[in-house]
Amino acid sequence: MTGLSRAELKAMSPADLERLESVLEQVVAERESGKVPWRCLRPGCDGQPHPGRMGRHARADQVEPDGDDWDNWLCLAGRGWGKTRTGAEWAIEQARHHGDKSRGALVGRTAADVRDTMIEGESGILAVAPATFRPVYNPSKRLLTYPNGAMQYAYASAEPEALRGPQHHYAWADELAAWKYLQYTWDMLKMGLRLGTHPRVVVTTTPRPLPLVKELVKSDRARISKGTTYDNLDNLAETFKRTVLDKYEGTTLGRQELNAEILEDLPGALVARQLIEQGRVDYDDMPELVAIAVAMDPAGTGTGDETGLMAAGYGVDGHHYVLEDASRQATPDVACRAAYALMERHGASVIVVEDNGGKDWIELGLKRVWQDMHPNDTTPAPIRRVNASQGKKLRAQPVAMLYEQHKVHHVGVFAELEDQLTTWIPEEDPQSPDRLDALVHVIVHHSRRELLATKVAKPSELSRRPGRGPAVHPALAARQRATARGRARTTSS
């Protein structure tokens, strides 16, 4: 079973024998659980057990394309199709193929996504690698090392500069359409793919109509596997079917997230995706900001709903800049603490909440958490209210007009927020999404601040520079410089 002679076993150290025993135990456990090799050569295989493959394995569309005439393999599929498993199995096979000292890149949306999904997730590399070829993960070095000496390094799209310099034989790019600095990160990754005779990339993502995605799809050096959530329905949990399929099936967002359709601008949607693309900027291109605020919108009552958490700034040019979407599923206490953490990250001065009697608990929760975080500070919690007397659509319309006037800019890519902006059709669903609501709150807050400044201007604080708009408050400017220095240190490390 081990392929080792008695003499070789006798010559092994106690530590080596212990590792061998552990691997053998894992091999036995895998066989007892029904785990089988992933790749199946049966033409048109649907992934269901059959003679020779009596466990879960790859469908035909999850197997690497034949031939040597492609550079990018795009797996454009809906949620639950098996994108992570496909990418992980491909990365493991590349490590086996390229061998000792080879280098692979694992690139995800954030460092947490790479760690929690691509490496340690239920369908990640550590979970699906066979016991005899399972890598050792060193989180501090962002490094996976395989038994044959192959190495894979983890990178995040939020830190594209980390890809400047390192060289790789291949790369796995997960959820590419959700990368924050999409084009720049992709360029840095491709420039580093210069080892070996034919560097390649597998892209596993739910597609969105972004320029880079469309460019890759049109390339004659790309091979494309398309699929929907329904292709893998037999392997998905019943709770997923109840909470996700029941909620999104038949909706516009469901066409994108479940059916993997690349949706262009939709009639009736709040904002056209083209307007977002035209207004997108990088961090370094953003002007000085007059004010920064965080908005919080609570999760609805539906299963899987999120608390909207949005940070945005108001620039000296009179434009709005979306800095971060930190929305998440969370308990009220965790959400309040996340709001203050978001405020700290961006040097924001206030947290904006909806002025609605049914949501007074938000303000109460924020005040309680503030007191808990600052037990010896008598300063009141930095909370501001926005009026909620109008309906969802009426409140959102002025924000949509600002997009049309090219006065709202996304600093990077915020995939989930942009999906809500471009797929929410008020006539179809009067309940607006939480991320969108938080964005509306913070932009309305800044817009009213501007209106007040023009009515009751205080020359010492709100004097206008010729042709540039309101002046930056000295304390805010200092925070912005500190934030920029911190970002520069992060990207250069």
Protein backbone atom coordinates (compact mmCIF):
# COMPACT_ATOMS: atom_id res chain seq x y z
CA MET A 1 0.00 0.00 0.00
CA THR A 2 2.87 2.37 0.75
CA GLY A 3 5.22 1.22 -2.01
CA LEU A 4 8.09 1.17 0.52
CA SER A 5 10.29 -1.78 1.34
CA ARG A 6 10.90 -2.98 4.90
CA ALA A 7 14.44 -1.59 4.73
CA GLU A 8 13.14 1.82 3.71
CA LEU A 9 10.57 1.80 6.49
CA LYS A 10 13.23 0.81 9.01
CA ALA A 11 15.47 3.68 7.89
CA MET A 12 12.76 6.30 8.42
CA SER A 13 12.88 8.62 11.43
CA PRO A 14 10.11 8.53 14.06
CA ALA A 15 8.76 11.85 12.73
CA ASP A 16 8.63 10.49 9.16
CA LEU A 17 6.90 7.33 10.36
CA GLU A 18 4.34 9.43 12.21
CA ARG A 19 3.64 11.49 9.08
CA LEU A 20 3.34 8.31 7.01
CA GLU A 21 0.88 6.84 9.51
CA SER A 22 -1.20 10.03 9.36
CA VAL A 23 -1.30 9.95 5.55
CA LEU A 24 -2.33 6.28 5.53
CA GLU A 25 -5.12 7.01 7.99
CA GLN A 26 -6.35 9.81 5.73
CA VAL A 27 -6.20 7.53 2.67
CA VAL A 28 -8.32 4.92 4.45
CA ALA A 29 -10.78 7.59 5.60
CA GLU A 30 -11.10 8.93 2.05
CA ARG A 31 -11.82 5.49 0.65
CA GLU A 32 -14.40 4.77 3.35
CA SER A 33 -16.12 8.11 2.65
CA GLY A 34 -16.38 7.26 -1.05
CA LYS A 35 -13.97 9.94 -2.26
CA VAL A 36 -12.76 9.22 -5.78
CA PRO A 37 -10.40 10.98 -8.22
CA TRP A 38 -11.97 14.16 -9.57
CA ARG A 39 -11.29 13.93 -13.27
CA CYS A 40 -13.43 11.54 -15.30
CA LEU A 41 -12.61 10.69 -18.90
CA ARG A 42 -16.09 9.39 -19.66
CA PRO A 43 -17.46 11.52 -22.54
CA GLY A 44 -20.26 13.82 -21.45
CA CYS A 45 -20.14 12.63 -17.83
CA ASP A 46 -22.78 14.25 -15.61
CA GLY A 47 -20.75 13.75 -12.40
CA GLN A 48 -23.11 11.12 -10.99
CA PRO A 49 -21.59 7.86 -9.62
CA HIS A 50 -20.98 5.16 -12.23
CA PRO A 51 -18.72 2.10 -12.56
CA GLY A 52 -15.14 3.26 -12.14
CA ARG A 53 -16.23 6.46 -10.38
CA MET A 54 -18.60 5.52 -7.58
CA GLY A 55 -18.29 8.84 -5.74
CA ARG A 56 -18.79 12.53 -6.49
CA HIS A 57 -16.57 13.66 -9.36
CA ALA A 58 -16.30 16.18 -12.17
CA ARG A 59 -18.91 16.76 -14.80
CA ALA A 60 -17.66 17.08 -18.36
CA ASP A 61 -17.89 20.90 -18.21
CA GLN A 62 -15.65 20.96 -15.10
CA VAL A 63 -12.71 19.30 -16.85
CA GLU A 64 -9.87 21.36 -18.35
CA PRO A 65 -10.30 21.92 -22.11
CA ASP A 66 -8.24 19.79 -24.47
CA GLY A 67 -5.51 21.19 -26.66
CA ASP A 68 -2.71 23.67 -26.29
CA ASP A 69 -4.33 26.62 -28.08
CA TRP A 70 -5.70 28.47 -25.03
CA ASP A 71 -4.30 30.75 -22.33
CA ASN A 72 -7.40 31.43 -20.22
CA TRP A 73 -10.07 28.94 -19.18
CA LEU A 74 -13.18 30.85 -18.10
CA CYS A 75 -15.67 29.02 -15.90
CA LEU A 76 -18.62 31.42 -16.04
CA ALA A 77 -21.33 29.89 -13.92
CA GLY A 78 -24.04 30.51 -11.37
CA ARG A 79 -23.87 30.09 -7.60
CA GLY A 80 -23.37 26.50 -6.50
CA TRP A 81 -22.25 25.25 -9.93
CA GLY A 82 -18.97 24.01 -8.47
CA LYS A 83 -16.61 26.81 -9.48
CA THR A 84 -14.49 26.61 -6.32
CA ARG A 85 -14.10 22.83 -6.58
CA THR A 86 -13.19 23.13 -10.25
CA GLY A 87 -10.55 25.80 -9.57
CA ALA A 88 -9.11 23.93 -6.58
CA GLU A 89 -8.79 20.65 -8.48
CA TRP A 90 -7.15 22.46 -11.40
CA ALA A 91 -4.66 24.20 -9.09
CA ILE A 92 -3.75 20.88 -7.45
CA GLU A 93 -3.21 19.28 -10.85
CA GLN A 94 -0.98 22.16 -11.94
CA ALA A 95 1.15 21.75 -8.81
CA ARG A 96 1.52 18.06 -9.60
CA HIS A 97 2.33 18.71 -13.26
CA HIS A 98 4.87 21.54 -12.84
CA GLY A 99 6.62 19.92 -9.88
CA ASP A 100 9.50 21.03 -7.69
CA LYS A 101 10.02 24.79 -7.21
CA SER A 102 7.11 25.67 -9.49
CA ARG A 103 5.05 28.71 -8.48
CA GLY A 104 1.33 29.21 -8.78
CA ALA A 105 -0.80 32.27 -7.91
CA LEU A 106 -4.12 32.03 -6.07
CA VAL A 107 -5.95 35.34 -6.48
CA GLY A 108 -9.27 36.20 -4.86
CA ARG A 109 -11.33 39.26 -4.01
CA THR A 110 -9.86 39.71 -0.52
CA ALA A 111 -7.25 37.95 1.59
CA ALA A 112 -10.08 36.47 3.67
CA ASP A 113 -11.78 35.10 0.54
CA VAL A 114 -8.58 33.40 -0.60
CA ARG A 115 -8.04 31.84 2.83
CA ASP A 116 -11.64 30.96 3.69
CA THR A 117 -12.84 29.82 0.26
CA MET A 118 -9.98 28.94 -2.07
CA ILE A 119 -7.67 27.32 0.51
CA GLU A 120 -9.59 26.31 3.64
CA GLY A 121 -13.16 26.20 2.31
CA GLU A 122 -15.32 23.10 2.03
CA SER A 123 -14.41 22.86 -1.66
CA GLY A 124 -11.00 24.52 -1.27
CA ILE A 125 -7.58 23.06 -1.91
CA LEU A 126 -6.95 21.60 1.56
CA ALA A 127 -10.33 19.86 1.57
CA VAL A 128 -10.19 18.29 -1.88
CA ALA A 129 -6.48 17.46 -2.25
CA PRO A 130 -5.83 13.72 -1.88
CA ALA A 131 -4.11 12.63 1.33
CA THR A 132 -1.01 11.61 -0.61
CA PHE A 133 -0.67 15.05 -2.21
CA ARG A 134 -2.06 17.45 0.38
CA PRO A 135 -0.07 20.71 0.72
CA VAL A 136 1.08 22.32 3.95
CA TYR A 137 -0.43 25.78 4.48
CA ASN A 138 1.61 28.57 6.07
CA PRO A 139 -0.84 31.49 6.56
CA SER A 140 1.84 33.98 7.65
CA LYS A 141 3.67 33.50 4.34
CA ARG A 142 0.47 33.13 2.30
CA LEU A 143 2.05 29.91 1.02
CA LEU A 144 0.98 26.37 0.16
CA THR A 145 3.79 23.83 -0.24
CA TYR A 146 3.09 20.44 -1.84
CA PRO A 147 4.93 17.16 -1.18
CA ASN A 148 6.74 17.47 -4.53
CA GLY A 149 8.06 20.97 -3.72
CA ALA A 150 5.50 22.91 -5.77
CA MET A 151 4.43 26.21 -4.21
CA GLN A 152 1.32 28.36 -4.46
CA TYR A 153 1.05 31.93 -3.15
CA ALA A 154 -2.12 33.75 -2.09
CA TYR A 155 -2.94 37.27 -3.33
CA ALA A 156 -5.90 39.63 -2.96
CA SER A 157 -7.32 41.96 -5.61
CA ALA A 158 -7.53 44.67 -2.93
CA GLU A 159 -3.71 44.73 -2.91
CA PRO A 160 -2.69 44.55 -6.60
CA GLU A 161 0.83 45.86 -5.93
CA ALA A 162 1.64 42.54 -4.21
CA LEU A 163 1.59 40.97 -7.68
CA ARG A 164 4.22 43.37 -8.98
CA GLY A 165 7.46 41.40 -9.18
CA PRO A 166 6.60 37.75 -8.34
CA GLN A 167 6.67 35.29 -11.24
CA HIS A 168 4.36 32.32 -11.71
CA HIS A 169 3.79 29.31 -13.95
CA TYR A 170 -0.01 29.45 -13.66
CA ALA A 171 -2.83 31.15 -11.74
CA TRP A 172 -6.30 30.52 -10.39
CA ALA A 173 -8.41 33.72 -10.39
CA ASP A 174 -11.56 33.26 -8.30
CA GLU A 175 -14.64 35.52 -8.57
CA LEU A 176 -12.77 37.82 -10.92
CA ALA A 177 -15.88 39.90 -11.66
CA ALA A 178 -15.97 40.90 -7.97
CA TRP A 179 -12.33 42.05 -7.73
CA LYS A 180 -12.01 45.56 -6.33
CA TYR A 181 -9.21 46.81 -8.60
CA LEU A 182 -10.16 44.54 -11.46
CA GLN A 183 -8.17 45.72 -14.47
CA TYR A 184 -5.05 46.69 -12.52
CA THR A 185 -4.92 43.41 -10.59
CA TRP A 186 -5.44 41.41 -13.78
CA ASP A 187 -2.67 43.33 -15.54
CA MET A 188 -0.26 42.77 -12.64
CA LEU A 189 -1.13 39.05 -12.58
CA LYS A 190 -0.64 38.56 -16.32
CA MET A 191 2.68 40.42 -16.31
CA GLY A 192 3.98 37.95 -13.72
CA LEU A 193 2.95 34.85 -15.69
CA ARG A 194 6.30 34.33 -17.35
CA LEU A 195 7.62 31.02 -16.02
CA GLY A 196 7.55 27.75 -17.93
CA THR A 197 6.67 27.21 -21.56
CA HIS A 198 2.96 28.08 -21.45
CA PRO A 199 1.56 29.96 -18.42
CA ARG A 200 -2.19 29.62 -18.07
CA VAL A 201 -5.06 30.97 -15.95
CA VAL A 202 -8.34 29.43 -14.85
CA VAL A 203 -11.00 32.02 -14.02
CA THR A 204 -13.92 30.89 -11.87
CA THR A 205 -16.58 33.59 -11.54
CA THR A 206 -20.22 34.50 -11.73
CA PRO A 207 -20.15 36.71 -14.83
CA ARG A 208 -20.98 40.39 -14.88
CA PRO A 209 -20.98 42.73 -17.91
CA LEU A 210 -17.66 44.35 -17.01
CA PRO A 211 -15.25 45.45 -19.77
CA LEU A 212 -12.54 42.93 -18.82
CA VAL A 213 -14.99 40.03 -18.63
CA LYS A 214 -16.37 40.89 -22.06
CA GLU A 215 -12.86 41.25 -23.46
CA LEU A 216 -11.82 37.83 -22.15
CA VAL A 217 -14.96 36.18 -23.49
CA LYS A 218 -14.24 37.52 -26.99
CA SER A 219 -10.57 36.43 -27.00
CA ASP A 220 -9.64 33.61 -29.35
CA ARG A 221 -7.14 32.44 -26.71
CA ALA A 222 -9.91 31.69 -24.20
CA ARG A 223 -11.96 28.57 -23.65
CA ILE A 224 -15.28 28.96 -21.89
CA SER A 225 -17.30 26.62 -19.68
CA LYS A 226 -20.78 27.93 -18.91
CA GLY A 227 -23.20 26.56 -16.38
CA THR A 228 -26.05 27.33 -14.03
CA THR A 229 -26.90 26.57 -10.42
CA TYR A 230 -29.27 23.88 -11.65
CA ASP A 231 -26.41 21.84 -13.16
CA ASN A 232 -25.27 20.89 -9.65
CA LEU A 233 -28.61 20.85 -7.85
CA ASP A 234 -28.23 17.24 -6.67
CA ASN A 235 -25.17 18.21 -4.60
CA LEU A 236 -26.61 21.35 -2.99
CA ALA A 237 -28.13 21.50 0.48
CA GLU A 238 -31.89 21.70 0.86
CA THR A 239 -31.47 24.95 2.83
CA PHE A 240 -29.73 26.52 -0.19
CA LYS A 241 -32.63 25.54 -2.38
CA ARG A 242 -35.12 27.02 0.07
CA THR A 243 -33.33 30.25 0.93
CA VAL A 244 -31.64 31.11 -2.36
CA LEU A 245 -33.60 29.51 -5.18
CA ASP A 246 -36.97 30.41 -3.71
CA LYS A 247 -35.90 34.02 -3.22
CA TYR A 248 -34.13 34.73 -6.52
CA GLU A 249 -35.59 32.26 -9.02
CA GLY A 250 -37.33 34.18 -11.79
CA THR A 251 -35.90 37.56 -10.74
CA THR A 252 -33.51 39.75 -12.67
CA LEU A 253 -30.73 39.16 -10.14
CA GLY A 254 -31.45 35.44 -10.30
CA ARG A 255 -30.81 35.45 -14.04
CA GLN A 256 -27.29 36.66 -13.26
CA GLU A 257 -26.49 34.78 -10.04
CA LEU A 258 -28.26 31.47 -10.82
CA ASN A 259 -28.35 31.28 -14.61
CA ALA A 260 -25.03 33.12 -15.12
CA GLU A 261 -26.44 35.43 -17.77
CA ILE A 262 -24.29 38.44 -18.60
CA LEU A 263 -26.93 41.11 -18.19
CA GLU A 264 -26.53 44.45 -19.88
CA ASP A 265 -28.51 47.54 -18.85
CA LEU A 266 -32.06 46.64 -17.90
CA PRO A 267 -35.07 48.85 -18.66
CA GLY A 268 -36.45 50.19 -15.39
CA ALA A 269 -33.34 49.51 -13.31
CA LEU A 270 -32.28 52.29 -10.96
CA VAL A 271 -28.81 52.86 -12.51
CA ALA A 272 -27.32 51.86 -15.86
CA ARG A 273 -24.13 49.82 -15.48
CA GLN A 274 -22.46 51.96 -18.13
CA LEU A 275 -22.78 55.00 -15.84
CA ILE A 276 -20.99 53.13 -13.05
CA GLU A 277 -18.18 52.14 -15.41
CA GLN A 278 -17.80 55.69 -16.71
CA GLY A 279 -17.53 57.05 -13.18
CA ARG A 280 -15.21 54.41 -11.72
CA VAL A 281 -11.92 55.74 -10.35
CA ASP A 282 -8.83 54.40 -8.58
CA TYR A 283 -7.91 55.48 -5.07
CA ASP A 284 -4.99 57.58 -6.33
CA ASP A 285 -7.26 59.50 -8.74
CA MET A 286 -9.70 60.57 -6.03
CA PRO A 287 -9.63 64.24 -5.02
CA GLU A 288 -9.44 65.47 -1.43
CA LEU A 289 -12.60 64.82 0.51
CA VAL A 290 -14.55 67.41 2.45
CA ALA A 291 -16.38 64.83 4.54
CA ILE A 292 -16.59 61.07 5.01
CA ALA A 293 -19.56 59.23 6.51
CA VAL A 294 -20.70 55.67 7.10
CA ALA A 295 -24.31 54.59 6.54
CA MET A 296 -26.02 51.63 8.16
CA ASP A 297 -29.25 49.99 7.03
CA PRO A 298 -30.53 46.99 9.01
CA ALA A 299 -31.20 43.56 7.58
CA GLY A 300 -34.75 42.83 6.57
CA THR A 301 -36.79 39.99 7.90
CA GLY A 302 -35.99 37.55 5.10
CA THR A 303 -33.51 34.72 5.53
CA GLY A 304 -30.11 35.71 4.24
CA ASP A 305 -30.77 39.45 4.33
CA GLU A 306 -27.81 41.67 5.10
CA THR A 307 -27.10 44.77 7.11
CA GLY A 308 -26.07 47.48 4.66
CA LEU A 309 -22.78 49.15 5.66
CA MET A 310 -21.41 51.77 3.28
CA ALA A 311 -18.57 54.31 3.52
CA ALA A 312 -18.58 57.27 1.13
CA GLY A 313 -16.95 60.67 0.90
CA TYR A 314 -17.87 64.06 -0.52
CA GLY A 315 -15.10 65.61 -2.59
CA VAL A 316 -13.85 69.14 -3.12
CA ASP A 317 -15.20 68.78 -6.66
CA GLY A 318 -18.76 68.37 -5.36
CA HIS A 319 -18.87 64.68 -6.31
CA HIS A 320 -19.59 61.60 -4.19
CA TYR A 321 -17.03 58.79 -3.78
CA VAL A 322 -18.04 55.30 -2.64
CA LEU A 323 -15.09 54.03 -0.60
CA GLU A 324 -16.14 50.64 0.77
CA ASP A 325 -19.08 48.27 0.90
CA ALA A 326 -18.79 46.31 4.15
CA SER A 327 -22.36 44.93 4.13
CA ARG A 328 -22.79 41.54 5.74
CA GLN A 329 -25.10 39.12 7.48
CA ALA A 330 -24.61 39.85 11.17
CA THR A 331 -26.29 40.11 14.53
CA PRO A 332 -27.20 43.67 15.63
CA ASP A 333 -24.23 43.84 18.02
CA VAL A 334 -21.74 42.61 15.43
CA ALA A 335 -23.21 44.95 12.80
CA CYS A 336 -22.86 47.99 15.10
CA ARG A 337 -19.24 47.12 15.86
CA ALA A 338 -18.57 46.62 12.15
CA ALA A 339 -20.03 50.08 11.48
CA TYR A 340 -17.61 51.68 13.95
CA ALA A 341 -14.71 49.68 12.49
CA LEU A 342 -15.65 50.94 9.01
CA MET A 343 -15.81 54.47 10.37
CA GLU A 344 -12.32 54.10 11.86
CA ARG A 345 -10.82 52.65 8.66
CA HIS A 346 -11.87 55.65 6.59
CA GLY A 347 -11.68 58.45 9.14
CA ALA A 348 -15.43 59.06 8.92
CA SER A 349 -17.06 61.56 11.25
CA VAL A 350 -20.58 60.13 11.57
CA ILE A 351 -22.73 57.04 11.12
CA VAL A 352 -25.93 57.77 9.21
CA VAL A 353 -29.08 55.82 10.07
CA GLU A 354 -32.64 55.92 8.79
CA ASP A 355 -35.08 58.20 10.62
CA ASN A 356 -37.80 55.61 10.99
CA GLY A 357 -39.68 54.69 14.17
CA GLY A 358 -39.60 51.02 13.30
CA LYS A 359 -35.81 51.10 13.19
CA ASP A 360 -35.05 53.02 16.37
CA TRP A 361 -33.25 49.95 17.68
CA ILE A 362 -30.35 50.77 15.32
CA GLU A 363 -29.62 54.04 17.06
CA LEU A 364 -30.07 52.44 20.49
CA GLY A 365 -27.70 49.64 19.52
CA LEU A 366 -25.09 52.03 18.17
CA LYS A 367 -25.25 54.11 21.36
CA ARG A 368 -24.86 51.04 23.57
CA VAL A 369 -21.89 49.72 21.58
CA TRP A 370 -20.30 53.19 21.59
CA GLN A 371 -20.52 53.33 25.39
CA ASP A 372 -19.12 49.81 25.61
CA MET A 373 -16.18 50.78 23.39
CA HIS A 374 -15.57 54.11 25.19
CA PRO A 375 -16.51 53.51 28.85
CA ASN A 376 -14.71 56.61 30.13
CA ASP A 377 -15.76 58.95 27.32
CA THR A 378 -18.80 61.19 27.74
CA THR A 379 -18.81 62.20 24.07
CA PRO A 380 -22.14 61.19 22.49
CA ALA A 381 -22.18 58.54 19.80
CA PRO A 382 -21.56 60.11 16.33
CA ILE A 383 -24.95 59.32 14.84
CA ARG A 384 -27.00 61.29 12.27
CA ARG A 385 -30.48 60.58 10.99
CA VAL A 386 -31.80 60.79 7.43
CA ASN A 387 -35.49 61.27 6.74
CA ALA A 388 -37.49 58.22 5.68
CA SER A 389 -40.88 59.80 5.01
CA GLN A 390 -40.73 59.12 1.26
CA GLY A 391 -41.01 55.72 -0.39
CA LYS A 392 -37.96 53.70 -1.36
CA LYS A 393 -38.13 54.63 -5.04
CA LEU A 394 -38.60 58.37 -4.40
CA ARG A 395 -35.64 58.45 -2.01
CA ALA A 396 -33.42 56.58 -4.47
CA GLN A 397 -34.30 58.68 -7.54
CA PRO A 398 -32.11 61.71 -6.64
CA VAL A 399 -29.16 59.35 -6.19
CA ALA A 400 -29.88 57.81 -9.60
CA MET A 401 -29.86 61.33 -11.08
CA LEU A 402 -26.43 61.98 -9.55
CA TYR A 403 -25.13 58.88 -11.37
CA GLU A 404 -26.59 60.24 -14.61
CA GLN A 405 -24.79 63.54 -13.95
CA HIS A 406 -21.53 61.59 -13.43
CA LYS A 407 -21.30 62.85 -9.85
CA VAL A 408 -21.04 59.45 -8.13
CA HIS A 409 -17.81 57.48 -8.40
CA HIS A 410 -16.99 53.98 -7.19
CA VAL A 411 -13.42 53.77 -5.92
CA GLY A 412 -12.82 50.25 -7.19
CA VAL A 413 -15.38 47.52 -7.91
CA PHE A 414 -18.22 46.76 -5.49
CA ALA A 415 -19.82 43.82 -7.24
CA GLU A 416 -22.79 43.10 -4.97
CA LEU A 417 -23.72 46.77 -4.61
CA GLU A 418 -23.43 47.30 -8.37
CA ASP A 419 -25.64 44.27 -8.99
CA GLN A 420 -28.33 45.80 -6.78
CA LEU A 421 -28.06 49.21 -8.44
CA THR A 422 -28.35 47.75 -11.93
CA THR A 423 -30.89 44.97 -11.35
CA TRP A 424 -33.32 46.42 -8.79
CA ILE A 425 -36.46 47.44 -10.64
CA PRO A 426 -38.84 49.20 -8.20
CA GLU A 427 -41.94 48.15 -10.16
CA GLU A 428 -40.92 44.48 -9.81
CA ASP A 429 -39.88 44.60 -6.16
CA PRO A 430 -40.90 47.52 -3.90
CA GLN A 431 -38.51 46.26 -1.17
CA SER A 432 -35.15 47.79 -2.06
CA PRO A 433 -31.96 45.87 -1.14
CA ASP A 434 -30.00 46.75 2.01
CA ARG A 435 -26.72 47.70 0.31
CA LEU A 436 -28.56 50.08 -2.00
CA ASP A 437 -30.45 51.61 0.93
CA ALA A 438 -27.21 52.26 2.83
CA LEU A 439 -25.72 53.92 -0.25
CA VAL A 440 -28.78 56.16 -0.60
CA HIS A 441 -28.56 57.14 3.08
CA VAL A 442 -24.93 58.25 2.91
CA ILE A 443 -25.27 60.15 -0.38
CA VAL A 444 -28.42 61.91 0.84
CA HIS A 445 -26.52 62.87 4.00
CA HIS A 446 -23.66 64.42 2.01
CA SER A 447 -26.08 66.14 -0.39
CA ARG A 448 -27.91 67.82 2.48
CA ARG A 449 -24.60 68.86 3.98
CA GLU A 450 -23.77 70.60 0.71
CA LEU A 451 -27.18 72.29 0.63
CA LEU A 452 -26.77 73.60 4.17
CA ALA A 453 -23.27 74.82 3.38
CA THR A 454 -24.58 76.98 0.55
CA LYS A 455 -27.32 78.47 2.78
CA VAL A 456 -25.41 79.11 6.01
CA ALA A 457 -21.79 79.14 4.96
CA LYS A 458 -19.17 79.66 7.65
CA PRO A 459 -16.11 81.15 5.96
CA SER A 460 -13.74 79.65 8.53
CA GLU A 461 -14.89 76.09 7.82
CA LEU A 462 -16.78 76.00 4.53
CA SER A 463 -15.09 78.66 2.43
CA ARG A 464 -14.91 77.79 -1.22
CA ARG A 465 -11.81 77.56 -3.33
CA PRO A 466 -12.12 79.17 -6.78
CA GLY A 467 -13.34 76.46 -9.13
CA ARG A 468 -12.81 73.65 -6.62
CA GLY A 469 -15.74 73.67 -4.24
CA PRO A 470 -15.65 73.55 -0.43
CA ALA A 471 -12.40 73.46 1.47
CA VAL A 472 -11.13 70.40 3.27
CA HIS A 473 -11.28 70.60 7.04
CA PRO A 474 -7.69 70.40 8.41
CA ALA A 475 -8.46 67.47 10.74
CA LEU A 476 -10.07 65.52 7.90
CA ALA A 477 -7.15 66.25 5.59
CA ALA A 478 -4.78 64.86 8.23
CA ARG A 479 -6.85 61.67 8.49
CA GLN A 480 -6.84 61.30 4.71
CA ARG A 481 -3.06 61.64 4.59
CA ALA A 482 -2.73 59.02 7.32
CA THR A 483 -5.06 56.68 5.44
CA ALA A 484 -3.04 57.14 2.25
CA ARG A 485 0.22 56.41 4.08
CA GLY A 486 -1.28 53.28 5.62
CA ARG A 487 -2.47 52.08 2.23
CA ALA A 488 0.95 52.73 0.69
CA ARG A 489 2.62 50.65 3.42
CA THR A 490 0.10 47.83 2.89
CA THR A 491 0.56 47.65 -0.87
CA SER A 492 4.36 47.84 -0.70
CA SER A 493 4.73 45.10 1.94
